[in-house]
PDB file of N, CA and C in Angstrom:
ATOM      1  N   MET A   1       0.954  -1.105   0.160  1.00  0.00           N
ATOM      2  CA  MET A   1       0.065   0.108   0.046  1.00  0.00           C
ATOM      3  C   MET A   1       0.833   1.281   0.060  1.00  0.00           C
ATOM      4  N   LYS A   2       0.583   2.086  -0.879  1.00  0.00           N
ATOM      5  CA  LYS A   2       1.404   3.359  -0.906  1.00  0.00           C
ATOM      6  C   LYS A   2       0.865   4.400  -0.014  1.00  0.00           C
ATOM      7  N   LYS A   3       1.953   5.123   0.575  1.00  0.00           N
ATOM      8  CA  LYS A   3       1.470   6.264   1.473  1.00  0.00           C
ATOM      9  C   LYS A   3       2.442   7.372   1.146  1.00  0.00           C
ATOM     10  N   TYR A   4       2.076   8.515   1.641  1.00  0.00           N
ATOM     11  CA  TYR A   4       2.750   9.679   1.344  1.00  0.00           C
ATOM     12  C   TYR A   4       3.337  10.342   2.584  1.00  0.00           C
ATOM     13  N   ILE A   5       4.575  10.923   2.716  1.00  0.00           N
ATOM     14  CA  ILE A   5       4.968  11.612   3.763  1.00  0.00           C
ATOM     15  C   ILE A   5       4.121  12.675   4.050  1.00  0.00           C
ATOM     16  N   TYR A   6       3.611  12.930   5.333  1.00  0.00           N
ATOM     17  CA  TYR A   6       2.695  14.146   5.706  1.00  0.00           C
ATOM     18  C   TYR A   6       3.631  15.142   6.465  1.00  0.00           C
ATOM     19  N   GLU A   7       4.337  14.373   7.394  1.00  0.00           N
ATOM     20  CA  GLU A   7       5.580  15.359   8.127  1.00  0.00           C
ATOM     21  C   GLU A   7       6.742  14.508   8.703  1.00  0.00           C
ATOM     22  N   ILE A   8       7.755  15.332   8.602  1.00  0.00           N
ATOM     23  CA  ILE A   8       8.925  14.607   9.389  1.00  0.00           C
ATOM     24  C   ILE A   8       9.324  15.550  10.485  1.00  0.00           C
ATOM     25  N   GLY A   9       9.545  14.834  11.491  1.00  0.00           N
ATOM     26  CA  GLY A   9       9.991  15.585  12.885  1.00  0.00           C
ATOM     27  C   GLY A   9      11.154  14.872  13.433  1.00  0.00           C
ATOM     28  N   THR A  10      11.887  15.609  14.273  1.00  0.00           N
ATOM     29  CA  THR A  10      13.013  14.973  14.955  1.00  0.00           C
ATOM     30  C   THR A  10      12.849  15.154  16.538  1.00  0.00           C
ATOM     31  N   GLU A  11      13.318  14.526  17.405  1.00  0.00           N
ATOM     32  CA  GLU A  11      13.470  14.646  18.761  1.00  0.00           C
ATOM     33  C   GLU A  11      14.651  14.034  19.370  1.00  0.00           C
ATOM     34  N   ARG A  12      15.299  14.543  20.308  1.00  0.00           N
ATOM     35  CA  ARG A  12      16.438  14.191  20.975  1.00  0.00           C
ATOM     36  C   ARG A  12      16.216  13.246  21.946  1.00  0.00           C
ATOM     37  N   ASP A  13      17.113  12.225  22.164  1.00  0.00           N
ATOM     38  CA  ASP A  13      17.199  11.199  23.363  1.00  0.00           C
ATOM     39  C   ASP A  13      16.938  11.936  24.657  1.00  0.00           C
ATOM     40  N   SER A  14      16.731  11.119  25.750  1.00  0.00           N
ATOM     41  CA  SER A  14      16.647  11.599  27.015  1.00  0.00           C
ATOM     42  C   SER A  14      17.955  12.183  27.386  1.00  0.00           C
ATOM     43  N   GLU A  15      18.947  11.928  27.007  1.00  0.00           N
ATOM     44  CA  GLU A  15      20.345  12.432  27.305  1.00  0.00           C
ATOM     45  C   GLU A  15      20.740  13.619  26.303  1.00  0.00           C
ATOM     46  N   GLY A  16      20.141  13.868  25.307  1.00  0.00           N
ATOM     47  CA  GLY A  16      20.352  14.938  24.457  1.00  0.00           C
ATOM     48  C   GLY A  16      21.295  14.831  23.347  1.00  0.00           C
ATOM     49  N   PHE A  17      21.747  13.491  23.173  1.00  0.00           N
ATOM     50  CA  PHE A  17      22.848  13.143  22.226  1.00  0.00           C
ATOM     51  C   PHE A  17      22.240  12.624  20.911  1.00  0.00           C
ATOM     52  N   GLY A  18      21.612  11.532  20.971  1.00  0.00           N
ATOM     53  CA  GLY A  18      20.935  10.895  19.798  1.00  0.00           C
ATOM     54  C   GLY A  18      19.636  11.590  19.357  1.00  0.00           C
ATOM     55  N   LYS A  19      19.280  11.569  18.110  1.00  0.00           N
ATOM     56  CA  LYS A  19      18.322  11.986  17.502  1.00  0.00           C
ATOM     57  C   LYS A  19      17.428  11.004  16.707  1.00  0.00           C
ATOM     58  N   ARG A  20      16.105  11.229  17.117  1.00  0.00           N
ATOM     59  CA  ARG A  20      15.113  10.253  16.524  1.00  0.00           C
ATOM     60  C   ARG A  20      14.266  10.925  15.585  1.00  0.00           C
ATOM     61  N   ILE A  21      14.091  10.219  14.417  1.00  0.00           N
ATOM     62  CA  ILE A  21      13.222  10.959  13.163  1.00  0.00           C
ATOM     63  C   ILE A  21      11.870  10.213  13.466  1.00  0.00           C
ATOM     64  N   ASN A  22      10.896  11.008  13.477  1.00  0.00           N
ATOM     65  CA  ASN A  22       9.568  10.662  13.550  1.00  0.00           C
ATOM     66  C   ASN A  22       8.930  10.938  12.138  1.00  0.00           C
ATOM     67  N   VAL A  23       8.097  10.129  11.474  1.00  0.00           N
ATOM     68  CA  VAL A  23       7.655  10.444  10.116  1.00  0.00           C
ATOM     69  C   VAL A  23       6.062  10.082  10.365  1.00  0.00           C
ATOM     70  N   ASP A  24       5.205  10.849   9.936  1.00  0.00           N
ATOM     71  CA  ASP A  24       3.708  10.689   9.755  1.00  0.00           C
ATOM     72  C   ASP A  24       3.438  10.440   8.272  1.00  0.00           C
ATOM     73  N   PHE A  25       2.552   9.610   8.085  1.00  0.00           N
ATOM     74  CA  PHE A  25       2.249   9.215   6.784  1.00  0.00           C
ATOM     75  C   PHE A  25       0.728   9.523   6.469  1.00  0.00           C
ATOM     76  N   ASP A  26       0.315   9.805   5.199  1.00  0.00           N
ATOM     77  CA  ASP A  26      -1.057   9.910   4.791  1.00  0.00           C
ATOM     78  C   ASP A  26      -1.417   9.219   3.536  1.00  0.00           C
ATOM     79  N   SER A  27      -2.391   8.662   3.357  1.00  0.00           N
ATOM     80  CA  SER A  27      -2.816   8.097   2.109  1.00  0.00           C
ATOM     81  C   SER A  27      -3.150   8.848   1.159  1.00  0.00           C
ATOM     82  N   LYS A  28      -3.360  10.104   1.241  1.00  0.00           N
ATOM     83  CA  LYS A  28      -3.934  11.167   0.356  1.00  0.00           C
ATOM     84  C   LYS A  28      -2.876  11.942  -0.267  1.00  0.00           C
ATOM     85  N   LYS A  29      -2.665  11.871  -1.317  1.00  0.00           N
ATOM     86  CA  LYS A  29      -1.671  12.751  -2.003  1.00  0.00           C
ATOM     87  C   LYS A  29      -1.806  14.246  -1.690  1.00  0.00           C
ATOM     88  N   GLU A  30      -2.952  14.470  -2.044  1.00  0.00           N
ATOM     89  CA  GLU A  30      -3.289  15.903  -1.682  1.00  0.00           C
ATOM     90  C   GLU A  30      -3.037  16.508  -0.286  1.00  0.00           C
ATOM     91  N   GLU A  31      -3.036  15.438   0.637  1.00  0.00           N
ATOM     92  CA  GLU A  31      -2.879  15.946   2.208  1.00  0.00           C
ATOM     93  C   GLU A  31      -1.406  15.947   2.661  1.00  0.00           C
ATOM     94  N   ALA A  32      -0.490  15.305   1.666  1.00  0.00           N
ATOM     95  CA  ALA A  32       0.985  15.050   1.903  1.00  0.00           C
ATOM     96  C   ALA A  32       1.649  16.495   1.985  1.00  0.00           C
ATOM     97  N   GLY A  33       2.727  16.431   2.793  1.00  0.00           N
ATOM     98  CA  GLY A  33       3.599  17.541   2.855  1.00  0.00           C
ATOM     99  C   GLY A  33       4.491  17.455   1.571  1.00  0.00           C
ATOM    100  N   PHE A  34       4.926  18.722   1.216  1.00  0.00           N
ATOM    101  CA  PHE A  34       5.612  18.801  -0.172  1.00  0.00           C
ATOM    102  C   PHE A  34       6.833  19.668  -0.039  1.00  0.00           C
ATOM    103  N   TRP A  35       7.770  19.499  -1.074  1.00  0.00           N
ATOM    104  CA  TRP A  35       8.881  20.204  -1.269  1.00  0.00           C
ATOM    105  C   TRP A  35       8.861  21.061  -2.536  1.00  0.00           C
ATOM    106  N   ALA A  36       9.418  22.090  -2.655  1.00  0.00           N
ATOM    107  CA  ALA A  36       9.401  23.088  -3.869  1.00  0.00           C
ATOM    108  C   ALA A  36      10.081  22.750  -5.059  1.00  0.00           C
ATOM    109  N   THR A  37      11.123  21.718  -4.776  1.00  0.00           N
ATOM    110  CA  THR A  37      11.833  21.086  -6.098  1.00  0.00           C
ATOM    111  C   THR A  37      11.975  19.656  -5.826  1.00  0.00           C
ATOM    112  N   ARG A  38      12.114  19.115  -7.064  1.00  0.00           N
ATOM    113  CA  ARG A  38      12.377  17.658  -7.133  1.00  0.00           C
ATOM    114  C   ARG A  38      13.720  17.300  -6.398  1.00  0.00           C
ATOM    115  N   GLN A  39      14.758  18.117  -6.520  1.00  0.00           N
ATOM    116  CA  GLN A  39      16.057  17.879  -5.898  1.00  0.00           C
ATOM    117  C   GLN A  39      15.880  17.788  -4.435  1.00  0.00           C
ATOM    118  N   LYS A  40      15.240  18.715  -3.746  1.00  0.00           N
ATOM    119  CA  LYS A  40      14.932  18.759  -2.353  1.00  0.00           C
ATOM    120  C   LYS A  40      14.406  17.584  -2.004  1.00  0.00           C
ATOM    121  N   ALA A  41      13.133  17.298  -2.564  1.00  0.00           N
ATOM    122  CA  ALA A  41      12.458  16.015  -2.238  1.00  0.00           C
ATOM    123  C   ALA A  41      13.329  14.890  -2.299  1.00  0.00           C
ATOM    124  N   GLU A  42      14.018  14.669  -3.400  1.00  0.00           N
ATOM    125  CA  GLU A  42      14.871  13.493  -3.673  1.00  0.00           C
ATOM    126  C   GLU A  42      16.048  13.494  -2.411  1.00  0.00           C
ATOM    127  N   MET A  43      16.508  14.540  -2.150  1.00  0.00           N
ATOM    128  CA  MET A  43      17.458  14.583  -0.881  1.00  0.00           C
ATOM    129  C   MET A  43      16.983  13.893   0.264  1.00  0.00           C
ATOM    130  N   GLU A  44      15.575  14.563   0.720  1.00  0.00           N
ATOM    131  CA  GLU A  44      15.004  14.059   1.905  1.00  0.00           C
ATOM    132  C   GLU A  44      14.433  12.521   1.733  1.00  0.00           C
ATOM    133  N   ALA A  45      14.327  12.019   0.482  1.00  0.00           N
ATOM    134  CA  ALA A  45      13.992  10.636   0.261  1.00  0.00           C
ATOM    135  C   ALA A  45      15.124   9.855   0.554  1.00  0.00           C
ATOM    136  N   ALA A  46      16.269  10.290   0.074  1.00  0.00           N
ATOM    137  CA  ALA A  46      17.603   9.551   0.303  1.00  0.00           C
ATOM    138  C   ALA A  46      17.712   9.542   1.786  1.00  0.00           C
ATOM    139  N   MET A  47      17.634  10.435   2.444  1.00  0.00           N
ATOM    140  CA  MET A  47      17.729  10.701   3.988  1.00  0.00           C
ATOM    141  C   MET A  47      17.084   9.692   4.862  1.00  0.00           C
ATOM    142  N   LEU A  48      15.673   9.551   4.217  1.00  0.00           N
ATOM    143  CA  LEU A  48      14.722   8.651   4.909  1.00  0.00           C
ATOM    144  C   LEU A  48      15.135   7.195   4.709  1.00  0.00           C
ATOM    145  N   ASP A  49      15.708   6.942   3.534  1.00  0.00           N
ATOM    146  CA  ASP A  49      16.180   5.495   3.210  1.00  0.00           C
ATOM    147  C   ASP A  49      17.495   5.176   4.193  1.00  0.00           C
ATOM    148  N   GLN A  50      18.294   6.146   4.605  1.00  0.00           N
ATOM    149  CA  GLN A  50      19.400   5.848   5.382  1.00  0.00           C
ATOM    150  C   GLN A  50      18.994   5.722   6.748  1.00  0.00           C
ATOM    151  N   HIS A  51      17.797   6.223   7.279  1.00  0.00           N
ATOM    152  CA  HIS A  51      17.386   6.190   8.661  1.00  0.00           C
ATOM    153  C   HIS A  51      16.558   5.069   9.008  1.00  0.00           C
ATOM    154  N   GLU A  52      16.334   4.075   8.159  1.00  0.00           N
ATOM    155  CA  GLU A  52      15.540   3.019   8.419  1.00  0.00           C
ATOM    156  C   GLU A  52      14.318   3.254   9.337  1.00  0.00           C
ATOM    157  N   ILE A  53      13.257   3.906   8.655  1.00  0.00           N
ATOM    158  CA  ILE A  53      12.006   4.139   9.410  1.00  0.00           C
ATOM    159  C   ILE A  53      11.239   3.112   9.554  1.00  0.00           C
ATOM    160  N   GLU A  54      10.739   2.567  10.683  1.00  0.00           N
ATOM    161  CA  GLU A  54      10.068   1.399  11.010  1.00  0.00           C
ATOM    162  C   GLU A  54       8.688   1.662  11.126  1.00  0.00           C
ATOM    163  N   ILE A  55       7.667   0.874  10.671  1.00  0.00           N
ATOM    164  CA  ILE A  55       6.413   0.646  10.890  1.00  0.00           C
ATOM    165  C   ILE A  55       5.965  -0.492  11.518  1.00  0.00           C
ATOM    166  N   THR A  56       4.664  -0.711  12.195  1.00  0.00           N
ATOM    167  CA  THR A  56       4.275  -1.823  12.733  1.00  0.00           C
ATOM    168  C   THR A  56       3.151  -2.348  11.820  1.00  0.00           C
ATOM    169  N   THR A  57       3.195  -3.490  11.202  1.00  0.00           N
ATOM    170  CA  THR A  57       2.248  -4.001  10.149  1.00  0.00           C
ATOM    171  C   THR A  57       1.064  -4.456  11.073  1.00  0.00           C
ATOM    172  N   LEU A  58      -0.090  -4.777  10.400  1.00  0.00           N
ATOM    173  CA  LEU A  58      -1.309  -5.341  10.701  1.00  0.00           C
ATOM    174  C   LEU A  58      -1.057  -6.441  11.485  1.00  0.00           C
ATOM    175  N   GLU A  59      -0.037  -7.228  11.199  1.00  0.00           N
ATOM    176  CA  GLU A  59       0.286  -8.562  11.958  1.00  0.00           C
ATOM    177  C   GLU A  59       1.194  -8.390  13.202  1.00  0.00           C
ATOM    178  N   GLY A  60       1.426  -7.079  13.486  1.00  0.00           N
ATOM    179  CA  GLY A  60       2.342  -6.754  14.508  1.00  0.00           C
ATOM    180  C   GLY A  60       3.756  -6.849  14.386  1.00  0.00           C
ATOM    181  N   GLN A  61       4.108  -6.957  13.093  1.00  0.00           N
ATOM    182  CA  GLN A  61       5.675  -7.254  12.855  1.00  0.00           C
ATOM    183  C   GLN A  61       6.148  -5.925  12.336  1.00  0.00           C
ATOM    184  N   LYS A  62       7.496  -5.628  12.733  1.00  0.00           N
ATOM    185  CA  LYS A  62       8.178  -4.465  12.456  1.00  0.00           C
ATOM    186  C   LYS A  62       8.690  -4.478  10.777  1.00  0.00           C
ATOM    187  N   HIS A  63       8.321  -3.411  10.058  1.00  0.00           N
ATOM    188  CA  HIS A  63       8.847  -3.189   8.754  1.00  0.00           C
ATOM    189  C   HIS A  63       9.571  -2.094   8.562  1.00  0.00           C
ATOM    190  N   VAL A  64      10.791  -2.344   8.052  1.00  0.00           N
ATOM    191  CA  VAL A  64      11.646  -1.013   7.546  1.00  0.00           C
ATOM    192  C   VAL A  64      11.147  -0.592   6.203  1.00  0.00           C
ATOM    193  N   CYS A  65      10.842   0.628   6.117  1.00  0.00           N
ATOM    194  CA  CYS A  65      10.205   1.294   4.911  1.00  0.00           C
ATOM    195  C   CYS A  65      11.563   1.687   3.988  1.00  0.00           C
ATOM    196  N   ARG A  66      11.591   1.380   2.916  1.00  0.00           N
ATOM    197  CA  ARG A  66      12.796   1.585   1.994  1.00  0.00           C
ATOM    198  C   ARG A  66      12.211   1.901   0.517  1.00  0.00           C
ATOM    199  N   ASP A  67      13.052   2.534  -0.229  1.00  0.00           N
ATOM    200  CA  ASP A  67      12.960   2.910  -1.535  1.00  0.00           C
ATOM    201  C   ASP A  67      11.774   3.956  -1.665  1.00  0.00           C
ATOM    202  N   TYR A  68      12.106   4.998  -0.993  1.00  0.00           N
ATOM    203  CA  TYR A  68      11.159   6.242  -1.083  1.00  0.00           C
ATOM    204  C   TYR A  68      11.057   6.683  -2.477  1.00  0.00           C
ATOM    205  N   LYS A  69      10.101   7.246  -3.025  1.00  0.00           N
ATOM    206  CA  LYS A  69       9.994   7.689  -4.444  1.00  0.00           C
ATOM    207  C   LYS A  69       9.396   9.151  -4.258  1.00  0.00           C
ATOM    208  N   VAL A  70       9.859   9.933  -5.311  1.00  0.00           N
ATOM    209  CA  VAL A  70       9.367  11.454  -5.423  1.00  0.00           C
ATOM    210  C   VAL A  70       8.405  11.433  -6.523  1.00  0.00           C
ATOM    211  N   GLU A  71       7.100  12.097  -6.355  1.00  0.00           N
ATOM    212  CA  GLU A  71       6.074  12.411  -7.324  1.00  0.00           C
ATOM    213  C   GLU A  71       5.846  13.759  -7.380  1.00  0.00           C
ATOM    214  N   GLU A  72       5.514  14.356  -8.645  1.00  0.00           N
ATOM    215  CA  GLU A  72       5.266  15.677  -8.716  1.00  0.00           C
ATOM    216  C   GLU A  72       3.793  15.799  -8.663  1.00  0.00           C
ATOM    217  N   ARG A  73       3.193  16.602  -7.688  1.00  0.00           N
ATOM    218  CA  ARG A  73       1.956  16.641  -7.296  1.00  0.00           C
ATOM    219  C   ARG A  73       1.130  17.781  -8.192  1.00  0.00           C
ATOM    220  N   THR A  74       1.972  18.875  -8.239  1.00  0.00           N
ATOM    221  CA  THR A  74       1.641  20.070  -9.094  1.00  0.00           C
ATOM    222  C   THR A  74       2.834  20.729  -9.361  1.00  0.00           C
ATOM    223  N   PRO A  75       2.957  21.566 -10.269  1.00  0.00           N
ATOM    224  CA  PRO A  75       4.204  22.369 -10.689  1.00  0.00           C
ATOM    225  C   PRO A  75       4.753  22.880  -9.433  1.00  0.00           C
ATOM    226  N   ARG A  76       6.023  22.827  -8.998  1.00  0.00           N
ATOM    227  CA  ARG A  76       6.604  23.307  -7.864  1.00  0.00           C
ATOM    228  C   ARG A  76       6.074  22.628  -6.706  1.00  0.00           C
ATOM    229  N   GLU A  77       5.491  21.491  -6.688  1.00  0.00           N
ATOM    230  CA  GLU A  77       5.127  20.585  -5.479  1.00  0.00           C
ATOM    231  C   GLU A  77       5.740  19.342  -5.635  1.00  0.00           C
ATOM    232  N   PHE A  78       6.444  18.824  -4.875  1.00  0.00           N
ATOM    233  CA  PHE A  78       6.857  17.477  -5.035  1.00  0.00           C
ATOM    234  C   PHE A  78       6.629  16.738  -3.658  1.00  0.00           C
ATOM    235  N   VAL A  79       6.045  15.293  -3.740  1.00  0.00           N
ATOM    236  CA  VAL A  79       5.710  14.704  -2.667  1.00  0.00           C
ATOM    237  C   VAL A  79       6.481  13.486  -2.499  1.00  0.00           C
ATOM    238  N   ILE A  80       6.754  12.859  -1.470  1.00  0.00           N
ATOM    239  CA  ILE A  80       7.424  11.592  -1.207  1.00  0.00           C
ATOM    240  C   ILE A  80       6.429  10.470  -0.839  1.00  0.00           C
ATOM    241  N   CYS A  81       6.667   9.401  -1.606  1.00  0.00           N
ATOM    242  CA  CYS A  81       5.837   8.186  -1.166  1.00  0.00           C
ATOM    243  C   CYS A  81       6.724   6.889  -0.974  1.00  0.00           C
ATOM    244  N   VAL A  82       6.000   5.910  -0.236  1.00  0.00           N
ATOM    245  CA  VAL A  82       6.767   4.718  -0.187  1.00  0.00           C
ATOM    246  C   VAL A  82       5.596   3.619  -0.107  1.00  0.00           C
ATOM    247  N   ASP A  83       6.015   2.397  -0.714  1.00  0.00           N
ATOM    248  CA  ASP A  83       5.122   1.269  -0.674  1.00  0.00           C
ATOM    249  C   ASP A  83       5.548   0.323   0.461  1.00  0.00           C
ATOM    250  N   ALA A  84       4.595   0.113   1.448  1.00  0.00           N
ATOM    251  CA  ALA A  84       4.912  -0.785   2.467  1.00  0.00           C
ATOM    252  C   ALA A  84       3.616  -1.340   2.969  1.00  0.00           C
ATOM    253  N   PRO A  85       3.696  -2.523   3.907  1.00  0.00           N
ATOM    254  CA  PRO A  85       2.405  -3.173   4.383  1.00  0.00           C
ATOM    255  C   PRO A  85       1.981  -2.328   5.529  1.00  0.00           C
ATOM    256  N   PHE A  86       1.413  -1.003   5.235  1.00  0.00           N
ATOM    257  CA  PHE A  86       0.819  -0.258   6.371  1.00  0.00           C
ATOM    258  C   PHE A  86      -0.672  -0.732   6.747  1.00  0.00           C
ATOM    259  N   LYS A  87      -1.016  -0.486   7.939  1.00  0.00           N
ATOM    260  CA  LYS A  87      -2.438  -0.975   8.398  1.00  0.00           C
ATOM    261  C   LYS A  87      -3.317   0.018   7.757  1.00  0.00           C
ATOM    262  N   PRO A  88      -4.440  -0.502   7.396  1.00  0.00           N
ATOM    263  CA  PRO A  88      -5.500   0.309   6.765  1.00  0.00           C
ATOM    264  C   PRO A  88      -5.871   1.456   7.618  1.00  0.00           C
ATOM    265  N   ASP A  89      -6.189   2.418   6.937  1.00  0.00           N
ATOM    266  CA  ASP A  89      -6.793   3.892   7.645  1.00  0.00           C
ATOM    267  C   ASP A  89      -8.277   3.283   8.070  1.00  0.00           C
ATOM    268  N   PRO A  90      -8.503   3.714   9.276  1.00  0.00           N
ATOM    269  CA  PRO A  90      -9.950   3.456   9.764  1.00  0.00           C
ATOM    270  C   PRO A  90     -10.896   4.134   9.046  1.00  0.00           C
ATOM    271  N   ALA A  91     -10.589   5.405   8.595  1.00  0.00           N
ATOM    272  CA  ALA A  91     -11.536   6.129   7.741  1.00  0.00           C
ATOM    273  C   ALA A  91     -11.864   5.664   6.307  1.00  0.00           C
ATOM    274  N   THR A  92     -10.860   4.913   5.826  1.00  0.00           N
ATOM    275  CA  THR A  92     -11.223   4.234   4.400  1.00  0.00           C
ATOM    276  C   THR A  92     -11.437   2.748   4.561  1.00  0.00           C
ATOM    277  N   ALA A  93     -11.433   2.286   5.697  1.00  0.00           N
ATOM    278  CA  ALA A  93     -11.598   0.898   5.705  1.00  0.00           C
ATOM    279  C   ALA A  93     -13.073   0.514   5.624  1.00  0.00           C
ATOM    280  N   ALA A  94     -13.539  -0.403   5.024  1.00  0.00           N
ATOM    281  CA  ALA A  94     -15.196  -0.755   4.613  1.00  0.00           C
ATOM    282  C   ALA A  94     -15.513  -1.861   5.639  1.00  0.00           C
TER     283      ALA A  94
END
C-alpha cells in the first residue's frame, strides 16, 4: 500500500545526544507535505532511506520502509511516497 509523507519531525533522546526521526504518513497525495523542487524532495527521500524508518504491520511485525519515491503533485510541489505493508486507515476501511 502506497502512503505519502505528511510530516517529518525530530526529537533528541533523554540524554540529548541521539536524534530520533518521526515520520507521519497519509494515504492522500493531496494531504501530503511537499517540497518546492524535485532535488530537495529526492535529498529528503535519500535521508529517509538511510534512517531505516520502521512501521508496525497489521500482523504486529516491524517493517523498515525503503525505496522512497518522489512524485510531482503540481508544478513546484513534489511529494515523497513509499510502498509498505501499512495498516489500513480506519476512515477508508469498509
